[in-house]
Amino acid sequence: MNVALKNQPAASEERWEADPILTVEHLTMRFGGLVAIDDLSFNVGRGDITALIGPNGAGKTTVFNCVTGFYKPTEGRIVMRHGPGRQQEAVDAVTATGKRWDIGDDRSVFLLERMPDFEIAKKARVARTFQNIRLFGGMTVLENLLVAQHNPLMIASGMTVGGVLGLPSYRKAEQGAIDKAVYWLEHTHLIDRADDAAGDLPYGAQRRLEIARAMCTGPHLLCLDEPAAGLNPRESTELNELLQFIRKTGTSVLLIEHDMGVVMEISDHIVVLDYGVKISDGAADFVKSDPRVIAAYLGVDDEEEIDVPEIKADVEEVTEEKSKRKPAKAKAKPKAAAKPAAKSAAAKPAAAKSAPARKASAKKAPAKKAAPAKPAGEIKVKDADKHPGAQPAGTKKPGEGGADNLTRISGIGPANEKKLNALGIWHFSQIAAWKKAEIEWVGSYLSFSGRIEREEWIKQAKALASGKQTEFSRRVDGGKVPSSRSSSRRTSGKGGKA
């Protein structure tokens, strides 16, 4: 997939590169024909708080499900390390042998894509929370934390009735589990509610209890799926303090979050996804100023014109190529004018044979005049072959009656309309005629591969080209879409009003 990715320029190697606790390499997750994650790679630094952000549907939770074993990825490798450094030799050795892990005294390597979910939690020591709270509502707050420690308690009981008999080893393990639970209840400010039912806690307290329960498993990596969802500002501040405390205990944190106040304040490293593709990767200061992140996530509408250098440069590049060909265009005019005469002369014998044939020909003439001409090669983009597929045919000028208002297609804003016009795409009928190769090329050129299909540009263009309305075009025409413009120019592919 050809997506222009901005990585943070680094004078020295960042911690997440030099000492990653988790490495995701070329992760791809497909559900039938849907590619939810496409060739994703990133690192989580040891002792860092790493945020995985992006719009709804970007694939963030799918990444979590692959890391924690709920999904088995279609392709890729997910490496978890206990111990410092990249341990590359050990990683390569485990990969080559087909084993799931290599556990040593001070260093261990786990390939999570090969492990079932319970082993990821038990051996690789990866814990997680969920978007939707999943507590045992009928159990007390303390009992929820003891359940999280069932593995050591079962071992202490000898996997039999040691707990019922009250064996010394079990009593010792049970007291240790209670002490750990009390420790985390104190740090989550829930100690006063220890004997209350978990289901009776307010929403923010339930969120903290979920985090406390995950920490009772003794994780090396804590994965939090939208922990600040539904929290008020005071609760978000408390969450920030809790996560920073967890980091100080030596546990690395990977979180999905939409609350940018939380993300920007506490994150050491941010990875940004959009439609399953990484579009930015770096420290908070770098990511929050990345134009692609602003466009994809931080509040800028997809259809809104964005004043970013990358888009300007692309438009100027194509416009410059177009302006260089203007003299050739002027010279070619007489030839173009001569073609209809030649065709007319050649058609005279056929026209003389049958008067009805002349009438039929006359009827077809308006349709030919209204449809925009699509001679191949009229607009050529520099380095067009770098994009997969085929560049669609474009014309240097719109057809008779003027250009269509392409912003009436959901997903095409003023910025993208300018880029399409620079390619010689002026009309709904041109977009409606795109085939798979042309869709792939345009998607790559505009740096959002797959989005044309998801937003159904072709279907919308076909409706608008035939003079029909879409729900989105009605909103545009009614002035209800600020990022699109109501139709002051020609609005249908046939030259009439839509």
Protein backbone atom coordinates (compact mmCIF):
# COMPACT_ATOMS: atom_id res chain seq x y z
CA MET A 1 0.00 0.00 0.00
CA ASN A 2 1.40 3.35 -1.03
CA VAL A 3 0.80 5.77 1.83
CA ALA A 4 3.10 8.67 2.54
CA LEU A 5 4.15 8.10 6.16
CA LYS A 6 5.90 10.70 8.22
CA ASN A 7 8.27 9.30 10.83
CA GLN A 8 9.89 11.42 13.46
CA PRO A 9 13.42 12.39 12.48
CA ALA A 10 15.70 11.29 15.31
CA ALA A 11 19.19 12.52 16.04
CA SER A 12 19.65 9.59 18.42
CA GLU A 13 17.80 6.30 18.64
CA GLU A 14 14.61 6.57 20.65
CA ARG A 15 14.04 4.29 23.64
CA TRP A 16 11.23 2.44 21.91
CA GLU A 17 13.67 1.56 19.11
CA ALA A 18 16.66 0.69 21.32
CA ASP A 19 14.83 -1.21 24.08
CA PRO A 20 11.35 -2.32 22.96
CA ILE A 21 9.31 -4.58 25.22
CA LEU A 22 6.89 -5.26 22.35
CA THR A 23 7.53 -5.24 18.62
CA VAL A 24 4.75 -5.52 16.04
CA GLU A 25 6.16 -6.38 12.61
CA HIS A 26 4.22 -6.29 9.33
CA LEU A 27 0.94 -7.11 11.07
CA THR A 28 -1.96 -7.75 8.69
CA MET A 29 -5.44 -8.81 9.74
CA ARG A 30 -8.05 -9.68 7.14
CA PHE A 31 -11.69 -10.57 7.66
CA GLY A 32 -12.62 -12.12 4.33
CA GLY A 33 -12.13 -9.34 1.80
CA LEU A 34 -11.86 -6.60 4.46
CA VAL A 35 -8.33 -5.58 5.43
CA ALA A 36 -8.65 -4.25 8.99
CA ILE A 37 -4.88 -3.89 9.59
CA ASP A 38 -2.49 -3.50 6.67
CA ASP A 39 1.26 -4.13 7.12
CA LEU A 40 1.52 -2.39 10.49
CA SER A 41 4.86 -2.13 12.32
CA PHE A 42 5.70 -0.29 15.54
CA ASN A 43 7.51 -0.69 18.87
CA VAL A 44 6.45 -0.20 22.50
CA GLY A 45 9.36 1.03 24.61
CA ARG A 46 10.20 -0.64 27.92
CA GLY A 47 8.91 1.61 30.71
CA ASP A 48 7.10 3.89 28.24
CA ILE A 49 3.47 4.91 27.94
CA THR A 50 2.68 4.33 24.27
CA ALA A 51 -0.60 5.61 22.81
CA LEU A 52 -2.29 4.03 19.80
CA ILE A 53 -4.69 6.62 18.40
CA GLY A 54 -6.82 7.15 15.32
CA PRO A 55 -10.42 7.71 14.22
CA ASN A 56 -13.18 5.23 14.94
CA GLY A 57 -12.74 2.20 12.72
CA ALA A 58 -8.99 2.75 12.30
CA GLY A 59 -8.23 -0.78 13.60
CA LYS A 60 -6.90 0.03 17.07
CA THR A 61 -8.88 -2.57 19.00
CA THR A 62 -8.08 -5.13 16.30
CA VAL A 63 -4.39 -4.54 17.04
CA PHE A 64 -5.08 -5.13 20.75
CA ASN A 65 -6.98 -8.32 19.96
CA CYS A 66 -4.02 -9.61 17.92
CA VAL A 67 -1.50 -8.71 20.66
CA THR A 68 -3.55 -10.37 23.42
CA GLY A 69 -4.47 -13.50 21.45
CA PHE A 70 -8.16 -12.86 20.86
CA TYR A 71 -7.43 -12.83 17.10
CA LYS A 72 -4.80 -14.74 15.20
CA PRO A 73 -3.27 -12.34 12.67
CA THR A 74 -3.31 -13.20 8.97
CA GLU A 75 0.34 -12.17 8.63
CA GLY A 76 3.10 -10.70 10.73
CA ARG A 77 5.08 -11.25 13.91
CA ILE A 78 4.42 -9.94 17.44
CA VAL A 79 7.43 -10.18 19.75
CA MET A 80 7.24 -9.74 23.55
CA ARG A 81 10.53 -9.47 25.46
CA HIS A 82 11.36 -9.92 29.13
CA GLY A 83 14.76 -8.42 29.78
CA PRO A 84 16.62 -5.49 28.24
CA GLY A 85 17.50 -4.90 24.60
CA ARG A 86 16.13 -6.20 21.33
CA GLN A 87 17.46 -9.77 21.85
CA GLN A 88 17.48 -10.17 18.08
CA GLU A 89 19.40 -13.45 18.01
CA ALA A 90 16.93 -15.07 20.39
CA VAL A 91 13.98 -13.70 18.41
CA ASP A 92 15.38 -15.06 15.12
CA ALA A 93 16.15 -18.43 16.72
CA VAL A 94 12.63 -18.86 18.11
CA THR A 95 11.13 -17.78 14.78
CA ALA A 96 13.24 -20.30 12.85
CA THR A 97 12.50 -23.24 15.17
CA GLY A 98 8.73 -22.82 15.20
CA LYS A 99 8.62 -22.56 19.00
CA ARG A 100 6.33 -20.20 20.87
CA TRP A 101 8.90 -18.86 23.32
CA ASP A 102 12.40 -19.10 24.73
CA ILE A 103 12.45 -18.54 28.49
CA GLY A 104 15.79 -17.84 30.16
CA ASP A 105 16.91 -16.78 33.64
CA ASP A 106 17.13 -13.07 32.90
CA ARG A 107 15.90 -12.81 29.31
CA SER A 108 12.90 -14.31 27.57
CA VAL A 109 11.30 -13.99 24.14
CA PHE A 110 7.68 -14.77 23.23
CA LEU A 111 6.05 -14.85 19.80
CA LEU A 112 2.51 -13.83 20.68
CA GLU A 113 0.98 -14.68 17.30
CA ARG A 114 1.74 -18.35 18.03
CA MET A 115 0.36 -18.39 21.57
CA PRO A 116 -3.22 -18.87 22.84
CA ASP A 117 -4.68 -16.01 24.84
CA PHE A 118 -4.34 -17.64 28.29
CA GLU A 119 -0.62 -18.28 27.74
CA ILE A 120 -0.10 -14.66 26.66
CA ALA A 121 -1.53 -13.55 30.01
CA LYS A 122 0.19 -16.23 32.10
CA LYS A 123 3.64 -16.59 30.51
CA ALA A 124 4.22 -13.45 28.43
CA ARG A 125 2.60 -11.37 31.21
CA VAL A 126 0.41 -9.19 29.01
CA ALA A 127 -2.80 -7.90 30.64
CA ARG A 128 -5.61 -5.85 29.15
CA THR A 129 -8.83 -3.99 29.81
CA PHE A 130 -11.75 -3.58 27.41
CA GLN A 131 -13.76 -0.74 25.89
CA ASN A 132 -16.84 -2.08 27.65
CA ILE A 133 -16.32 -2.73 31.36
CA ARG A 134 -16.14 -6.46 32.11
CA LEU A 135 -16.21 -6.81 35.88
CA PHE A 136 -17.92 -9.48 37.96
CA GLY A 137 -20.72 -7.19 39.12
CA GLY A 138 -22.07 -9.55 41.79
CA MET A 139 -18.67 -10.02 43.46
CA THR A 140 -17.17 -7.54 45.85
CA VAL A 141 -14.44 -5.16 44.76
CA LEU A 142 -11.86 -7.21 46.71
CA GLU A 143 -13.07 -10.52 45.23
CA ASN A 144 -12.65 -9.13 41.70
CA LEU A 145 -8.96 -8.57 42.44
CA LEU A 146 -8.53 -12.02 44.01
CA VAL A 147 -10.03 -13.67 40.92
CA ALA A 148 -7.28 -12.03 38.87
CA GLN A 149 -4.74 -13.99 40.97
CA HIS A 150 -6.29 -17.43 40.55
CA ASN A 151 -3.16 -18.88 38.89
CA PRO A 152 -0.83 -18.56 41.92
CA LEU A 153 -3.67 -19.53 44.26
CA MET A 154 -4.41 -22.71 42.29
CA ILE A 155 -0.73 -23.64 42.28
CA ALA A 156 -0.57 -23.06 46.06
CA SER A 157 -3.58 -25.33 46.57
CA GLY A 158 -1.82 -28.12 44.69
CA MET A 159 -4.57 -27.96 42.05
CA THR A 160 -6.75 -29.91 44.48
CA VAL A 161 -8.50 -29.23 47.78
CA GLY A 162 -5.56 -27.50 49.47
CA GLY A 163 -7.64 -24.37 49.88
CA VAL A 164 -10.52 -26.23 51.54
CA LEU A 165 -8.11 -27.99 53.93
CA GLY A 166 -6.35 -24.74 54.71
CA LEU A 167 -2.83 -25.95 53.96
CA PRO A 168 -0.09 -23.55 55.14
CA SER A 169 1.16 -22.99 51.59
CA TYR A 170 -2.32 -21.95 50.48
CA ARG A 171 -2.92 -19.68 53.48
CA LYS A 172 0.37 -17.92 52.74
CA ALA A 173 -0.51 -17.48 49.05
CA GLU A 174 -3.99 -16.26 49.92
CA GLN A 175 -2.63 -13.62 52.29
CA GLY A 176 -0.18 -12.51 49.60
CA ALA A 177 -3.06 -12.16 47.13
CA ILE A 178 -5.08 -10.10 49.61
CA ASP A 179 -2.09 -7.84 50.30
CA LYS A 180 -1.60 -7.23 46.59
CA ALA A 181 -5.30 -6.50 46.13
CA VAL A 182 -5.27 -4.02 49.03
CA TYR A 183 -2.17 -2.35 47.58
CA TRP A 184 -3.91 -1.64 44.28
CA LEU A 185 -7.19 -0.67 45.94
CA GLU A 186 -5.30 1.98 47.87
CA HIS A 187 -3.63 3.34 44.74
CA THR A 188 -6.92 3.43 42.84
CA HIS A 189 -8.73 5.10 45.79
CA LEU A 190 -11.14 2.18 46.16
CA ILE A 191 -10.08 0.78 49.52
CA ASP A 192 -13.20 2.19 51.21
CA ARG A 193 -15.39 0.25 48.76
CA ALA A 194 -13.54 -3.08 49.10
CA ASP A 195 -16.61 -4.94 50.44
CA ASP A 196 -19.13 -3.31 48.09
CA ALA A 197 -20.42 -5.11 45.01
CA ALA A 198 -18.45 -4.08 41.93
CA GLY A 199 -21.70 -3.43 40.07
CA ASP A 200 -22.65 -0.75 42.62
CA LEU A 201 -19.60 1.41 41.91
CA PRO A 202 -19.95 4.58 39.81
CA TYR A 203 -18.66 4.40 36.25
CA GLY A 204 -15.29 6.07 36.87
CA ALA A 205 -14.58 3.82 39.86
CA GLN A 206 -15.38 0.73 37.77
CA ARG A 207 -12.83 1.89 35.20
CA ARG A 208 -10.17 2.15 37.91
CA LEU A 209 -11.15 -1.24 39.31
CA GLU A 210 -10.59 -2.83 35.90
CA ILE A 211 -7.09 -1.37 35.80
CA ALA A 212 -6.42 -2.58 39.38
CA ARG A 213 -7.60 -6.08 38.44
CA ALA A 214 -5.28 -6.15 35.42
CA MET A 215 -2.35 -5.01 37.59
CA CYS A 216 -2.99 -7.84 40.05
CA THR A 217 -1.86 -10.29 37.36
CA GLY A 218 1.65 -8.77 37.59
CA PRO A 219 1.91 -7.73 33.92
CA HIS A 220 5.04 -6.58 32.13
CA LEU A 221 2.80 -4.89 29.53
CA LEU A 222 -0.58 -3.37 30.34
CA CYS A 223 -2.93 -2.80 27.39
CA LEU A 224 -5.74 -0.32 28.11
CA ASP A 225 -8.58 0.08 25.61
CA GLU A 226 -10.03 3.60 26.01
CA PRO A 227 -9.59 3.86 29.80
CA ALA A 228 -10.72 7.52 29.85
CA ALA A 229 -13.97 6.90 27.95
CA GLY A 230 -16.87 8.48 29.82
CA LEU A 231 -14.72 10.11 32.51
CA ASN A 232 -15.16 13.68 33.65
CA PRO A 233 -12.14 16.05 33.81
CA ARG A 234 -11.41 15.26 37.46
CA GLU A 235 -11.51 11.52 36.82
CA SER A 236 -9.28 11.96 33.73
CA THR A 237 -6.71 13.75 35.88
CA GLU A 238 -6.81 10.90 38.40
CA LEU A 239 -6.36 8.42 35.57
CA ASN A 240 -3.27 10.29 34.34
CA GLU A 241 -1.76 10.10 37.82
CA LEU A 242 -2.55 6.38 38.08
CA LEU A 243 -0.95 5.57 34.72
CA GLN A 244 2.17 7.53 35.58
CA PHE A 245 2.39 5.63 38.87
CA ILE A 246 2.02 2.30 37.01
CA ARG A 247 4.89 3.28 34.74
CA LYS A 248 7.06 3.97 37.81
CA THR A 249 6.43 0.39 39.01
CA GLY A 250 8.20 -0.86 35.86
CA THR A 251 5.12 -1.84 33.88
CA SER A 252 4.99 -0.62 30.27
CA VAL A 253 1.66 0.75 29.07
CA LEU A 254 0.04 0.55 25.64
CA LEU A 255 -3.24 2.44 25.49
CA ILE A 256 -5.94 3.24 22.99
CA GLU A 257 -7.48 6.60 23.74
CA HIS A 258 -9.58 9.33 22.13
CA ASP A 259 -9.10 11.87 24.93
CA MET A 260 -6.27 13.97 23.53
CA GLY A 261 -5.78 15.68 26.88
CA VAL A 262 -4.83 12.33 28.38
CA VAL A 263 -2.77 11.21 25.39
CA MET A 264 -0.69 14.35 24.94
CA GLU A 265 -0.04 14.81 28.64
CA ILE A 266 1.28 11.36 29.56
CA SER A 267 2.44 9.62 26.37
CA ASP A 268 6.12 9.10 25.61
CA HIS A 269 5.38 7.69 22.16
CA ILE A 270 2.33 7.90 19.89
CA VAL A 271 1.39 5.71 16.93
CA VAL A 272 -1.42 6.93 14.67
CA LEU A 273 -3.60 4.64 12.55
CA ASP A 274 -6.06 5.52 9.81
CA TYR A 275 -8.03 2.74 8.09
CA GLY A 276 -5.58 0.13 9.38
CA VAL A 277 -2.49 1.92 8.08
CA LYS A 278 0.13 3.73 10.18
CA ILE A 279 0.27 7.38 9.15
CA SER A 280 2.50 8.80 11.90
CA ASP A 281 4.87 7.55 14.60
CA GLY A 282 6.84 9.59 17.12
CA ALA A 283 6.80 11.70 20.26
CA ALA A 284 3.74 13.75 21.22
CA ASP A 285 5.12 17.10 20.02
CA PHE A 286 5.92 15.64 16.61
CA VAL A 287 2.63 13.79 16.13
CA LYS A 288 0.30 16.61 17.18
CA SER A 289 1.81 18.89 14.51
CA ASP A 290 1.76 16.26 11.74
CA PRO A 291 -0.69 17.46 9.02
CA ARG A 292 -1.83 13.94 8.25
CA VAL A 293 -2.78 13.36 11.88
CA ILE A 294 -4.65 16.67 11.97
CA ALA A 295 -6.50 15.69 8.80
CA ALA A 296 -7.28 12.12 9.86
CA TYR A 297 -7.99 12.51 13.53
CA LEU A 298 -7.72 15.76 15.43
CA GLY A 299 -10.99 17.35 14.45
CA VAL A 300 -10.58 18.29 10.75
CA ASP A 301 -13.40 17.06 8.54
CA ASP A 302 -12.42 14.71 5.69
CA GLU A 303 -14.15 17.06 3.24
CA GLU A 304 -12.60 20.22 4.66
CA GLU A 305 -9.88 21.98 2.70
CA ILE A 306 -6.65 21.70 4.64
CA ASP A 307 -3.83 24.12 4.10
CA VAL A 308 -0.95 21.65 4.28
CA PRO A 309 2.30 21.81 2.28
CA GLU A 310 2.01 18.21 1.03
CA ILE A 311 -1.35 18.83 -0.67
CA LYS A 312 -0.23 22.18 -2.07
CA ALA A 313 2.94 20.64 -3.47
CA ASP A 314 0.99 17.85 -5.21
CA VAL A 315 -1.46 20.28 -6.78
CA GLU A 316 1.29 22.67 -7.87
CA GLU A 317 3.30 19.81 -9.38
CA VAL A 318 0.44 18.65 -11.56
CA THR A 319 -0.60 22.22 -12.42
CA GLU A 320 2.96 23.01 -13.49
CA GLU A 321 3.02 20.00 -15.81
CA LYS A 322 -0.31 21.12 -17.20
CA SER A 323 0.87 24.69 -17.87
CA LYS A 324 3.95 23.45 -19.75
CA ARG A 325 1.67 21.84 -22.34
CA LYS A 326 -0.41 24.96 -23.09
CA PRO A 327 1.45 25.87 -26.34
CA ALA A 328 1.03 22.34 -27.67
CA LYS A 329 -2.65 22.61 -26.88
CA ALA A 330 -3.01 25.77 -29.01
CA LYS A 331 -1.25 24.19 -32.00
CA ALA A 332 -3.42 21.12 -31.80
CA LYS A 333 -6.67 23.09 -32.08
CA PRO A 334 -6.91 23.15 -35.91
CA LYS A 335 -6.36 19.37 -36.04
CA ALA A 336 -9.04 18.80 -33.45
CA ALA A 337 -11.42 21.04 -35.41
CA ALA A 338 -10.68 19.21 -38.63
CA LYS A 339 -11.61 15.80 -37.23
CA PRO A 340 -15.40 16.40 -37.15
CA ALA A 341 -15.24 17.61 -40.80
CA ALA A 342 -13.37 14.49 -41.85
CA LYS A 343 -15.87 12.32 -40.02
CA SER A 344 -18.74 14.27 -41.62
CA ALA A 345 -17.30 13.78 -45.13
CA ALA A 346 -16.81 10.10 -44.55
CA ALA A 347 -20.32 9.80 -43.24
CA LYS A 348 -22.00 11.40 -46.33
CA PRO A 349 -22.43 8.19 -48.36
CA ALA A 350 -23.92 6.42 -45.37
CA ALA A 351 -26.18 9.38 -44.64
CA ALA A 352 -27.39 9.45 -48.26
CA LYS A 353 -28.48 5.84 -48.08
CA SER A 354 -31.11 6.41 -45.46
CA ALA A 355 -32.95 9.47 -44.17
CA PRO A 356 -33.90 7.69 -40.93
CA ALA A 357 -30.21 7.08 -40.29
CA ARG A 358 -29.61 10.86 -40.46
CA LYS A 359 -32.37 11.43 -37.93
CA ALA A 360 -30.95 8.82 -35.56
CA SER A 361 -27.50 10.40 -35.90
CA ALA A 362 -28.95 13.81 -35.14
CA LYS A 363 -30.58 12.49 -31.98
CA LYS A 364 -27.29 11.13 -30.65
CA ALA A 365 -25.39 14.39 -31.21
CA PRO A 366 -26.49 16.15 -27.98
CA ALA A 367 -25.37 13.18 -25.84
CA LYS A 368 -21.90 13.32 -27.43
CA LYS A 369 -21.68 17.07 -26.84
CA ALA A 370 -22.67 16.80 -23.16
CA ALA A 371 -20.36 13.92 -22.26
CA PRO A 372 -16.83 15.05 -21.42
CA ALA A 373 -14.19 13.76 -23.79
CA LYS A 374 -11.63 11.40 -22.28
CA PRO A 375 -8.65 11.19 -24.59
CA ALA A 376 -5.91 9.16 -22.90
CA GLY A 377 -2.70 10.95 -22.06
CA GLU A 378 -4.01 14.54 -22.12
CA ILE A 379 -2.87 14.98 -18.49
CA LYS A 380 0.32 13.25 -17.40
CA VAL A 381 1.47 13.25 -13.78
CA LYS A 382 5.15 13.19 -12.96
CA ASP A 383 6.16 9.79 -11.51
CA ALA A 384 2.67 8.42 -12.19
CA ASP A 385 4.14 4.91 -12.44
CA LYS A 386 5.06 5.03 -8.75
CA HIS A 387 1.40 4.48 -7.92
CA PRO A 388 -0.21 1.06 -8.45
CA GLY A 389 -2.95 0.72 -11.04
CA ALA A 390 -3.56 3.11 -13.93
CA GLN A 391 -3.95 6.89 -14.04
CA PRO A 392 -7.48 7.77 -15.19
CA ALA A 393 -7.85 9.67 -18.45
CA GLY A 394 -8.32 13.39 -17.93
CA THR A 395 -9.08 16.44 -20.03
CA LYS A 396 -7.37 19.82 -19.88
CA LYS A 397 -10.68 21.61 -19.77
CA PRO A 398 -14.14 20.62 -18.53
CA GLY A 399 -16.82 19.69 -21.04
CA GLU A 400 -19.39 22.05 -22.45
CA GLY A 401 -21.41 23.63 -19.65
CA GLY A 402 -18.56 23.76 -17.14
CA ALA A 403 -17.23 21.47 -14.43
CA ASP A 404 -19.37 19.57 -11.97
CA ASN A 405 -19.28 20.37 -8.26
CA LEU A 406 -17.31 17.29 -7.17
CA THR A 407 -17.68 18.24 -3.50
CA ARG A 408 -21.23 16.87 -3.77
CA ILE A 409 -19.58 13.44 -3.47
CA SER A 410 -19.06 12.51 0.18
CA GLY A 411 -15.30 12.26 0.72
CA ILE A 412 -14.29 14.88 -1.85
CA GLY A 413 -13.66 18.27 -0.29
CA PRO A 414 -12.30 21.42 -1.93
CA ALA A 415 -8.69 20.27 -1.52
CA ASN A 416 -9.30 16.91 -3.19
CA GLU A 417 -11.47 18.54 -5.86
CA LYS A 418 -8.52 20.75 -6.79
CA LYS A 419 -6.26 17.73 -7.04
CA LEU A 420 -8.78 15.87 -9.18
CA ASN A 421 -9.23 18.91 -11.43
CA ALA A 422 -5.45 19.08 -11.82
CA LEU A 423 -5.65 15.47 -13.05
CA GLY A 424 -8.26 16.52 -15.61
CA ILE A 425 -11.17 15.06 -13.65
CA TRP A 426 -14.03 17.56 -13.87
CA HIS A 427 -17.21 15.50 -14.11
CA PHE A 428 -19.20 12.91 -12.18
CA SER A 429 -19.32 10.80 -15.34
CA GLN A 430 -15.52 10.55 -15.39
CA ILE A 431 -15.42 9.23 -11.82
CA ALA A 432 -18.37 6.92 -12.51
CA ALA A 433 -16.37 5.33 -15.34
CA TRP A 434 -13.33 4.44 -13.20
CA LYS A 435 -12.39 0.79 -13.13
CA LYS A 436 -10.47 -1.09 -10.42
CA ALA A 437 -7.02 -0.06 -11.72
CA GLU A 438 -7.99 3.62 -11.85
CA ILE A 439 -9.55 3.53 -8.38
CA GLU A 440 -6.36 1.98 -7.01
CA TRP A 441 -4.17 4.62 -8.69
CA VAL A 442 -6.24 7.59 -7.49
CA GLY A 443 -6.46 6.15 -3.97
CA SER A 444 -2.68 5.87 -3.82
CA TYR A 445 -2.17 9.31 -5.40
CA LEU A 446 -4.46 10.97 -2.86
CA SER A 447 -2.80 8.94 -0.05
CA PHE A 448 -5.92 7.21 1.23
CA SER A 449 -5.90 3.82 -0.45
CA GLY A 450 -9.16 1.91 -0.03
CA ARG A 451 -11.19 4.95 0.97
CA ILE A 452 -12.74 5.46 -2.48
CA GLU A 453 -14.33 2.02 -2.21
CA ARG A 454 -15.38 2.49 1.42
CA GLU A 455 -17.02 5.85 0.75
CA GLU A 456 -18.55 4.58 -2.51
CA TRP A 457 -17.39 7.43 -4.74
CA ILE A 458 -18.27 5.48 -7.89
CA LYS A 459 -21.82 4.73 -6.73
CA GLN A 460 -22.36 8.37 -5.76
CA ALA A 461 -20.86 9.60 -9.04
CA LYS A 462 -23.11 7.34 -11.12
CA ALA A 463 -26.21 8.66 -9.34
CA LEU A 464 -25.14 12.30 -9.72
CA ALA A 465 -24.09 11.81 -13.35
CA SER A 466 -27.58 10.54 -14.16
CA GLY A 467 -29.13 13.63 -12.59
CA LYS A 468 -30.22 11.93 -9.36
CA GLN A 469 -29.58 13.19 -5.83
CA THR A 470 -27.82 11.48 -2.92
CA GLU A 471 -28.47 12.17 0.73
CA PHE A 472 -25.08 13.89 0.97
CA SER A 473 -25.58 15.99 -2.18
CA ARG A 474 -28.89 17.26 -0.79
CA ARG A 475 -27.11 18.38 2.37
CA VAL A 476 -24.42 20.11 0.27
CA ASP A 477 -26.99 21.87 -1.93
CA GLY A 478 -28.84 22.98 1.19
CA GLY A 479 -25.67 24.55 2.61
CA LYS A 480 -25.58 22.07 5.52
CA VAL A 481 -22.01 20.81 4.87
CA PRO A 482 -19.56 23.61 5.77
CA SER A 483 -16.60 21.80 4.21
CA SER A 484 -18.34 21.47 0.82
CA ARG A 485 -19.75 24.28 -1.27
CA SER A 486 -23.30 24.57 -2.50
CA SER A 487 -23.57 24.20 -6.25
CA SER A 488 -22.92 27.48 -8.02
CA ARG A 489 -21.43 25.56 -10.95
CA ARG A 490 -22.93 22.79 -13.04
CA THR A 491 -24.12 20.05 -10.70
CA SER A 492 -24.86 17.01 -12.84
CA GLY A 493 -22.88 14.96 -15.28
CA LYS A 494 -25.38 15.69 -18.06
CA GLY A 495 -25.15 19.46 -18.03
CA GLY A 496 -28.49 20.07 -16.34
CA LYS A 497 -29.51 20.77 -12.80
CA ALA A 498 -29.45 17.87 -10.41
